Each structure stands twice: as structure tokens, then as C-alpha cells.
Protein backbone atom coordinates (compact mmCIF):
# COMPACT_ATOMS: atom_id res chain seq x y z
CA MET A 1 0.22 -0.01 0.24
CA ARG A 2 1.41 3.54 -0.77
CA SER A 3 1.66 5.78 2.18
CA LEU A 4 -0.90 8.70 2.46
CA SER A 5 1.90 11.38 1.79
CA GLU A 6 3.27 9.79 -1.48
CA LEU A 7 -0.92 10.06 -2.55
CA GLU A 8 -1.27 13.11 -1.49
CA VAL A 9 1.99 14.66 -3.62
CA ARG A 10 0.43 12.57 -6.43
CA VAL A 11 -2.68 14.20 -6.17
CA VAL A 12 -1.61 17.70 -5.58
CA PHE A 13 0.81 17.85 -8.02
CA GLN A 14 -1.55 17.14 -11.08
CA PHE A 15 -4.23 18.77 -9.85
CA SER A 16 -2.23 21.98 -8.97
CA ARG A 17 -2.35 22.43 -12.94
CA ILE A 18 -5.83 22.36 -13.92
CA SER A 19 -8.91 24.79 -13.54
CA GLN A 20 -10.86 24.86 -10.62
CA GLU A 21 -13.96 23.62 -12.28
CA LEU A 22 -11.95 20.40 -13.48
CA ARG A 23 -10.62 19.95 -10.28
CA GLU A 24 -14.20 20.16 -8.49
CA ARG A 25 -15.39 17.82 -10.65
CA CYS A 26 -12.95 15.08 -10.50
CA VAL A 27 -12.79 15.51 -6.36
CA GLU A 28 -16.87 14.64 -6.73
CA ILE A 29 -15.91 11.70 -8.93
CA ALA A 30 -13.46 10.48 -6.09
CA ARG A 31 -15.46 11.01 -3.75
CA GLN A 32 -18.29 8.82 -5.03
CA LYS A 33 -16.69 6.47 -7.55
CA SER A 34 -14.69 3.24 -6.82
CA PRO A 35 -10.55 3.91 -7.76
CA SER A 36 -11.19 2.39 -11.30
CA ALA A 37 -14.41 4.17 -12.18
CA ALA A 38 -12.95 7.36 -10.57
CA PHE A 39 -10.04 6.79 -13.57
CA ASP A 40 -12.82 6.36 -16.36
CA LEU A 41 -14.66 9.28 -15.59
CA GLY A 42 -11.82 11.26 -14.51
CA TYR A 43 -10.18 10.83 -17.83
CA GLN A 44 -13.25 11.85 -19.62
CA ALA A 45 -14.02 15.05 -17.73
CA ALA A 46 -10.31 15.99 -18.30
CA PHE A 47 -10.63 15.13 -21.97
CA MET A 48 -14.11 16.81 -22.27
CA ALA A 49 -12.55 20.16 -20.75
CA GLY A 50 -9.87 20.57 -23.58
CA LEU A 51 -6.89 18.76 -22.12
CA ASN A 52 -5.05 16.15 -24.75
CA GLN A 53 -4.88 12.77 -23.80
CA LEU A 54 -1.74 12.76 -21.88
CA GLU A 55 -3.04 15.54 -20.00
CA ALA A 56 -5.98 13.96 -19.16
CA LEU A 57 -4.34 10.63 -18.66
CA GLY A 58 -2.10 12.10 -15.46
CA ILE A 59 -5.65 13.85 -14.29
CA ALA A 60 -7.28 10.57 -14.48
CA LYS A 61 -4.35 8.59 -12.43
CA ALA A 62 -4.75 11.83 -9.68
CA THR A 63 -8.60 11.35 -9.31
CA ARG A 64 -7.75 7.29 -9.34
CA TRP A 65 -5.66 8.57 -6.46
CA LEU A 66 -8.27 10.50 -4.57
CA SER A 67 -10.38 7.74 -4.53
CA VAL A 68 -7.47 5.27 -3.20
CA ILE A 69 -7.16 7.88 -0.12
CA ARG A 70 -10.75 7.90 0.63
CA ARG A 71 -10.79 4.06 0.36
CA ASP A 72 -8.22 3.10 2.44
CA TYR A 73 -7.33 6.01 4.57
CA GLY A 74 -10.79 6.83 5.09
CA ALA A 75 -13.23 10.41 4.54
CA GLU A 76 -11.08 12.53 6.95
CA ALA A 77 -7.69 12.05 5.22
CA PHE A 78 -9.72 12.57 1.58
CA GLU A 79 -11.32 15.72 3.07
CA LYS A 80 -7.79 17.09 3.95
CA VAL A 81 -6.36 16.85 1.16
CA VAL A 82 -9.35 18.35 -0.59
CA ARG A 83 -8.76 21.35 1.94
CA THR A 84 -4.79 21.38 0.75
CA LEU A 85 -5.89 21.35 -2.81
CA THR A 86 -8.44 24.78 -2.45
CA THR A 87 -5.40 26.35 0.00
CA ALA A 88 -2.43 25.46 -2.23
CA LYS A 89 -0.80 28.39 -3.95
CA GLY A 90 -0.81 28.47 -8.04
CA LEU A 91 -3.44 26.10 -8.39
CA GLY A 92 -5.28 26.28 -11.89
CA THR A 93 -2.44 27.88 -13.93
CA SER A 94 -0.45 25.47 -16.32
CA LEU A 95 -3.39 23.04 -17.85
CA ASN A 96 -6.26 25.34 -17.85
CA PRO A 97 -7.74 25.30 -21.26
CA ASN A 98 -9.71 28.75 -20.62
CA PRO A 99 -7.31 30.82 -18.69
CA THR A 100 -9.51 33.69 -18.82
CA ALA A 101 -12.53 31.87 -17.31
């Protein structure tokens, strides 16, 4: 099993590069779905948001890891990581397909 701190780094790195809207969508997916379903839906959400296949794959993996955190470490750890996402600096800058949004 991967450590919580490793999973958190994997999630925060990927989610720090996308729009707030896509990040919120992926968090909701991870909150409600199994890791496998979270991967599939996270990929679809990212691709539909205008990311290319490689970028969408990274977001899909991060969405899956976030779901793994919920499954393996519980809701409290999950919510802690989500709070980290909303307070980290520089979120939504690099892969935002709509920089003016």
C-alpha cells in the first residue's frame, strides 16, 4: 500500500495544474466512485475540458489516487487532501484550457 503522503503528492501535483472547475469535478468523482470508475470518469472529464490525451491521463490517475485515499485512509484523510487542494498556491495555472475563465 502506498503511503498517504505519497498519494497526496501525486494528487496535489496533478490537480495544481488544472482549472478550479475541473478540479472540483474530479474531487466529486473521487468522493463518489471506486478507484477504477474514478480513473475512467476523471479521464473523460479532463478530455472533455479540453486537455490532450496525455494531460487527461495524468488527471485520471490523480482522480484515481484521490479515490484510493478515501477507500484506504478514510473520509477524514480524503477531506484533508481536498482542503490542501483548495488552499495550495498556484492552482489552476498550467493546464487550464480557458486561461480567462
